[in-house]
Amino acid sequence: MAEPLNNNRVKNESFPDDYLKTIAERAKKSRVYTKYQLIGLLLAQLLDDEKHKSLYIKMAKKDDETKLLELAKSISEMKLVKNKGAYFMKVWHQQKKIKNEHTKRK
């Protein structure tokens, strides 16, 4: 019959504080593995909208990255726009709607 595992040994061992701090710092850093992840993070930074970076990563994966970056750069330079992320989404959806209407007519 097998002996039961002794979980007390694991619980009683404590990790050094330096190690835990290192792990916490490592978790804060961004890990970018693909091009579309980088593009999405750049969009979030340009638009001052870090809260929605996963949305921009998804858009960069699905849509044309050059057009996304061009639009984001032009909007980031607009001083009067308060919520650049929302304005970007509005303009992007208008452009896609126009493009879709144009392709339906052909």
Foldseek 3Di string as FASTA:
>chain_A
DDDDDDCVVVVPDDDDPVVVVVVVVVVPDDDDDDPLLVLLVVLCVLQVNPVCSVVSSVCSVPDDSVVLVVLSNVLSPDPPDDRSVVVSVVVVVVVVVVVVVVVVVD
